[in-house]
Amino acid sequence: MSKSITARRLTAAVLSAGALTAVLTVPVSAAEHRPHRPDVQISDVQYDSPGRDDRSNRSLNKEWVEITNQSRRAVNLNGWTLEDEDGHTYTFDHYRLDGRATVRVHTGQGRDTRRDVYQDRRHYVWDNRSDTATLHNDRGRTVDTESWGRNRGNRR
């Protein structure tokens, strides 16, 4: 009779453990289906520099893309790229984005700082009517995109 009671207790313990495991795995699998917003993302784009497009350095630098690190930890952006639909690419070189910080990537020429970096171009990059800015990490994986115009809502 004691073997029967032991067997029942063991069976009950196994079933309880199985039920507990099932309860604990439901939230994990549900979390996997939520859309994940990257820690580093394109937070704003000024694709149409204010005023007349005269290709002056001042006008070129009023065309920019902001990249924001939403996490508390700094992220090494060395080798990360920012690209438009036509393949114009800016590559971050030896740049570390602090936690909860934003960097503005200007089209024209200038001196890089912690808050502003420059592509050193003499022509506009971002199309005023429609374009897509794509941020890739150093492994070439897409981290975030931002589209406007006819491409709005069509994320890569």
C-alpha atoms as a PDB file:
ATOM      1  CA  MET A   1       0.000   0.000   0.000  1.00  0.00           C
ATOM      2  CA  SER A   2       2.846   2.426   0.677  1.00  0.00           C
ATOM      3  CA  LYS A   3       4.172   1.831  -2.852  1.00  0.00           C
ATOM      4  CA  SER A   4       0.786   2.891  -4.210  1.00  0.00           C
ATOM      5  CA  ILE A   5       0.730   6.086  -2.118  1.00  0.00           C
ATOM      6  CA  THR A   6       4.316   6.891  -3.158  1.00  0.00           C
ATOM      7  CA  ALA A   7       3.436   6.321  -6.805  1.00  0.00           C
ATOM      8  CA  ARG A   8       0.413   8.633  -6.518  1.00  0.00           C
ATOM      9  CA  ARG A   9       2.456  11.339  -4.833  1.00  0.00           C
ATOM     10  CA  LEU A  10       5.164  11.057  -7.476  1.00  0.00           C
ATOM     11  CA  THR A  11       2.567  11.240 -10.259  1.00  0.00           C
ATOM     12  CA  ALA A  12       0.947  14.290  -8.640  1.00  0.00           C
ATOM     13  CA  ALA A  13       4.334  15.983  -8.292  1.00  0.00           C
ATOM     14  CA  VAL A  14       5.184  15.343 -11.959  1.00  0.00           C
ATOM     15  CA  LEU A  15       1.791  16.645 -13.123  1.00  0.00           C
ATOM     16  CA  SER A  16       2.143  19.747 -10.927  1.00  0.00           C
ATOM     17  CA  ALA A  17       5.608  20.441 -12.298  1.00  0.00           C
ATOM     18  CA  GLY A  18       4.296  20.031 -15.854  1.00  0.00           C
ATOM     19  CA  ALA A  19       1.429  22.421 -15.204  1.00  0.00           C
ATOM     20  CA  LEU A  20       3.789  24.980 -13.649  1.00  0.00           C
ATOM     21  CA  THR A  21       6.135  24.731 -16.636  1.00  0.00           C
ATOM     22  CA  ALA A  22       3.226  25.286 -19.029  1.00  0.00           C
ATOM     23  CA  VAL A  23       2.092  28.370 -17.101  1.00  0.00           C
ATOM     24  CA  LEU A  24       5.601  29.840 -17.072  1.00  0.00           C
ATOM     25  CA  THR A  25       6.219  29.309 -20.793  1.00  0.00           C
ATOM     26  CA  VAL A  26       3.029  31.028 -21.979  1.00  0.00           C
ATOM     27  CA  PRO A  27       4.212  34.577 -21.157  1.00  0.00           C
ATOM     28  CA  VAL A  28       7.609  33.899 -22.746  1.00  0.00           C
ATOM     29  CA  SER A  29       6.105  32.710 -26.037  1.00  0.00           C
ATOM     30  CA  ALA A  30       3.594  35.578 -26.008  1.00  0.00           C
ATOM     31  CA  ALA A  31       6.447  38.061 -25.573  1.00  0.00           C
ATOM     32  CA  GLU A  32       8.204  36.613 -28.618  1.00  0.00           C
ATOM     33  CA  HIS A  33       5.283  37.687 -30.822  1.00  0.00           C
ATOM     34  CA  ARG A  34       5.317  41.331 -29.752  1.00  0.00           C
ATOM     35  CA  PRO A  35       6.996  43.644 -32.244  1.00  0.00           C
ATOM     36  CA  HIS A  36      10.465  44.538 -30.992  1.00  0.00           C
ATOM     37  CA  ARG A  37      11.568  48.156 -31.238  1.00  0.00           C
ATOM     38  CA  PRO A  38      15.359  48.300 -31.539  1.00  0.00           C
ATOM     39  CA  ASP A  39      17.418  49.995 -28.845  1.00  0.00           C
ATOM     40  CA  VAL A  40      19.133  52.069 -31.545  1.00  0.00           C
ATOM     41  CA  GLN A  41      16.712  53.595 -34.019  1.00  0.00           C
ATOM     42  CA  ILE A  42      16.121  56.349 -36.532  1.00  0.00           C
ATOM     43  CA  SER A  43      14.270  58.878 -34.399  1.00  0.00           C
ATOM     44  CA  ASP A  44      13.812  61.783 -36.839  1.00  0.00           C
ATOM     45  CA  VAL A  45      14.599  62.799 -40.421  1.00  0.00           C
ATOM     46  CA  GLN A  46      14.876  66.275 -41.934  1.00  0.00           C
ATOM     47  CA  TYR A  47      14.912  65.206 -45.594  1.00  0.00           C
ATOM     48  CA  ASP A  48      13.944  68.612 -47.035  1.00  0.00           C
ATOM     49  CA  SER A  49      16.314  71.274 -45.754  1.00  0.00           C
ATOM     50  CA  PRO A  50      14.425  74.490 -44.967  1.00  0.00           C
ATOM     51  CA  GLY A  51      14.721  77.270 -47.536  1.00  0.00           C
ATOM     52  CA  ARG A  52      15.982  77.065 -51.075  1.00  0.00           C
ATOM     53  CA  ASP A  53      17.978  73.996 -52.125  1.00  0.00           C
ATOM     54  CA  ASP A  54      21.103  75.828 -53.276  1.00  0.00           C
ATOM     55  CA  ARG A  55      23.642  73.094 -52.365  1.00  0.00           C
ATOM     56  CA  SER A  56      25.470  75.440 -50.008  1.00  0.00           C
ATOM     57  CA  ASN A  57      27.110  73.683 -47.082  1.00  0.00           C
ATOM     58  CA  ARG A  58      24.681  75.449 -44.761  1.00  0.00           C
ATOM     59  CA  SER A  59      21.699  74.072 -46.701  1.00  0.00           C
ATOM     60  CA  LEU A  60      23.240  70.594 -46.978  1.00  0.00           C
ATOM     61  CA  ASN A  61      23.741  70.468 -43.212  1.00  0.00           C
ATOM     62  CA  LYS A  62      20.079  71.293 -42.613  1.00  0.00           C
ATOM     63  CA  GLU A  63      19.347  67.897 -44.197  1.00  0.00           C
ATOM     64  CA  TRP A  64      19.925  65.248 -41.516  1.00  0.00           C
ATOM     65  CA  VAL A  65      18.910  61.980 -39.892  1.00  0.00           C
ATOM     66  CA  GLU A  66      18.836  61.490 -36.125  1.00  0.00           C
ATOM     67  CA  ILE A  67      19.872  58.177 -34.581  1.00  0.00           C
ATOM     68  CA  THR A  68      18.854  57.594 -30.948  1.00  0.00           C
ATOM     69  CA  ASN A  69      20.055  55.000 -28.451  1.00  0.00           C
ATOM     70  CA  GLN A  70      17.037  54.168 -26.265  1.00  0.00           C
ATOM     71  CA  SER A  71      18.991  51.933 -23.905  1.00  0.00           C
ATOM     72  CA  ARG A  72      21.008  52.986 -20.862  1.00  0.00           C
ATOM     73  CA  ARG A  73      24.205  51.451 -22.202  1.00  0.00           C
ATOM     74  CA  ALA A  74      26.495  52.991 -24.805  1.00  0.00           C
ATOM     75  CA  VAL A  75      26.551  51.322 -28.232  1.00  0.00           C
ATOM     76  CA  ASN A  76      29.614  51.125 -30.472  1.00  0.00           C
ATOM     77  CA  LEU A  77      28.421  52.228 -33.942  1.00  0.00           C
ATOM     78  CA  ASN A  78      31.777  51.570 -35.617  1.00  0.00           C
ATOM     79  CA  GLY A  79      31.009  50.007 -39.013  1.00  0.00           C
ATOM     80  CA  TRP A  80      27.255  50.763 -38.854  1.00  0.00           C
ATOM     81  CA  THR A  81      25.806  52.352 -41.994  1.00  0.00           C
ATOM     82  CA  LEU A  82      23.021  54.759 -42.880  1.00  0.00           C
ATOM     83  CA  GLU A  83      21.787  54.353 -46.445  1.00  0.00           C
ATOM     84  CA  ASP A  84      19.193  55.837 -48.809  1.00  0.00           C
ATOM     85  CA  GLU A  85      17.324  54.009 -51.590  1.00  0.00           C
ATOM     86  CA  ASP A  86      19.887  55.071 -54.209  1.00  0.00           C
ATOM     87  CA  GLY A  87      22.723  53.443 -52.276  1.00  0.00           C
ATOM     88  CA  HIS A  88      24.306  56.606 -50.843  1.00  0.00           C
ATOM     89  CA  THR A  89      25.931  55.235 -47.711  1.00  0.00           C
ATOM     90  CA  TYR A  90      27.430  56.849 -44.642  1.00  0.00           C
ATOM     91  CA  THR A  91      29.591  54.597 -42.449  1.00  0.00           C
ATOM     92  CA  PHE A  92      30.153  55.401 -38.798  1.00  0.00           C
ATOM     93  CA  ASP A  93      33.869  55.353 -37.994  1.00  0.00           C
ATOM     94  CA  HIS A  94      35.046  55.093 -34.373  1.00  0.00           C
ATOM     95  CA  TYR A  95      31.791  56.423 -32.973  1.00  0.00           C
ATOM     96  CA  ARG A  96      30.250  55.432 -29.640  1.00  0.00           C
ATOM     97  CA  LEU A  97      26.656  56.540 -28.972  1.00  0.00           C
ATOM     98  CA  ASP A  98      26.053  57.030 -25.256  1.00  0.00           C
ATOM     99  CA  GLY A  99      22.999  55.604 -23.537  1.00  0.00           C
ATOM    100  CA  ARG A 100      19.843  57.702 -23.941  1.00  0.00           C
ATOM    101  CA  ALA A 101      21.692  59.898 -26.459  1.00  0.00           C
ATOM    102  CA  THR A 102      21.041  61.082 -30.015  1.00  0.00           C
ATOM    103  CA  VAL A 103      23.431  61.829 -32.856  1.00  0.00           C
ATOM    104  CA  ARG A 104      22.478  63.876 -35.905  1.00  0.00           C
ATOM    105  CA  VAL A 105      24.009  62.747 -39.228  1.00  0.00           C
ATOM    106  CA  HIS A 106      24.265  65.827 -41.487  1.00  0.00           C
ATOM    107  CA  THR A 107      24.680  65.589 -45.243  1.00  0.00           C
ATOM    108  CA  GLY A 108      27.244  68.385 -45.706  1.00  0.00           C
ATOM    109  CA  GLN A 109      30.713  69.039 -44.375  1.00  0.00           C
ATOM    110  CA  GLY A 110      31.677  69.812 -40.798  1.00  0.00           C
ATOM    111  CA  ARG A 111      33.635  68.769 -37.749  1.00  0.00           C
ATOM    112  CA  ASP A 112      32.305  65.640 -36.028  1.00  0.00           C
ATOM    113  CA  THR A 113      31.274  65.967 -32.380  1.00  0.00           C
ATOM    114  CA  ARG A 114      29.474  63.694 -29.909  1.00  0.00           C
ATOM    115  CA  ARG A 115      26.080  65.075 -31.051  1.00  0.00           C
ATOM    116  CA  ASP A 116      26.710  65.793 -34.759  1.00  0.00           C
ATOM    117  CA  VAL A 117      28.542  63.889 -37.486  1.00  0.00           C
ATOM    118  CA  TYR A 118      28.947  64.873 -41.134  1.00  0.00           C
ATOM    119  CA  GLN A 119      28.851  62.871 -44.355  1.00  0.00           C
ATOM    120  CA  ASP A 120      31.081  65.474 -46.080  1.00  0.00           C
ATOM    121  CA  ARG A 121      28.977  65.465 -49.250  1.00  0.00           C
ATOM    122  CA  ARG A 122      28.484  68.281 -51.729  1.00  0.00           C
ATOM    123  CA  HIS A 123      25.079  67.038 -52.970  1.00  0.00           C
ATOM    124  CA  TYR A 124      21.797  66.259 -51.216  1.00  0.00           C
ATOM    125  CA  VAL A 125      21.203  62.625 -50.244  1.00  0.00           C
ATOM    126  CA  TRP A 126      17.585  62.411 -49.139  1.00  0.00           C
ATOM    127  CA  ASP A 127      14.867  62.766 -51.773  1.00  0.00           C
ATOM    128  CA  ASN A 128      12.308  65.404 -50.777  1.00  0.00           C
ATOM    129  CA  ARG A 129       9.364  63.544 -52.343  1.00  0.00           C
ATOM    130  CA  SER A 130       9.992  59.997 -51.175  1.00  0.00           C
ATOM    131  CA  ASP A 131      12.858  57.931 -49.851  1.00  0.00           C
ATOM    132  CA  THR A 132      13.802  55.450 -47.171  1.00  0.00           C
ATOM    133  CA  ALA A 133      16.582  55.836 -44.612  1.00  0.00           C
ATOM    134  CA  THR A 134      17.947  52.463 -43.516  1.00  0.00           C
ATOM    135  CA  LEU A 135      20.241  51.865 -40.559  1.00  0.00           C
ATOM    136  CA  HIS A 136      22.381  48.698 -40.683  1.00  0.00           C
ATOM    137  CA  ASN A 137      24.578  47.345 -37.905  1.00  0.00           C
ATOM    138  CA  ASP A 138      28.211  46.312 -38.445  1.00  0.00           C
ATOM    139  CA  ARG A 139      27.046  42.857 -39.603  1.00  0.00           C
ATOM    140  CA  GLY A 140      24.866  44.331 -42.342  1.00  0.00           C
ATOM    141  CA  ARG A 141      21.583  43.544 -40.581  1.00  0.00           C
ATOM    142  CA  THR A 142      18.820  46.118 -40.823  1.00  0.00           C
ATOM    143  CA  VAL A 143      18.290  47.767 -37.450  1.00  0.00           C
ATOM    144  CA  ASP A 144      15.644  50.333 -38.414  1.00  0.00           C
ATOM    145  CA  THR A 145      14.107  52.142 -41.389  1.00  0.00           C
ATOM    146  CA  GLU A 146      12.182  55.353 -41.843  1.00  0.00           C
ATOM    147  CA  SER A 147      10.232  56.094 -45.044  1.00  0.00           C
ATOM    148  CA  TRP A 148       8.360  59.114 -46.356  1.00  0.00           C
ATOM    149  CA  GLY A 149       6.371  60.029 -49.458  1.00  0.00           C
ATOM    150  CA  ARG A 150       5.106  57.139 -51.584  1.00  0.00           C
ATOM    151  CA  ASN A 151       7.221  54.741 -49.500  1.00  0.00           C
ATOM    152  CA  ARG A 152       5.672  55.739 -46.183  1.00  0.00           C
ATOM    153  CA  GLY A 153       4.573  52.642 -44.327  1.00  0.00           C
ATOM    154  CA  ASN A 154       6.583  50.371 -46.624  1.00  0.00           C
ATOM    155  CA  ARG A 155       9.365  49.422 -44.248  1.00  0.00           C
ATOM    156  CA  ARG A 156      12.132  47.261 -45.586  1.00  0.00           C
END
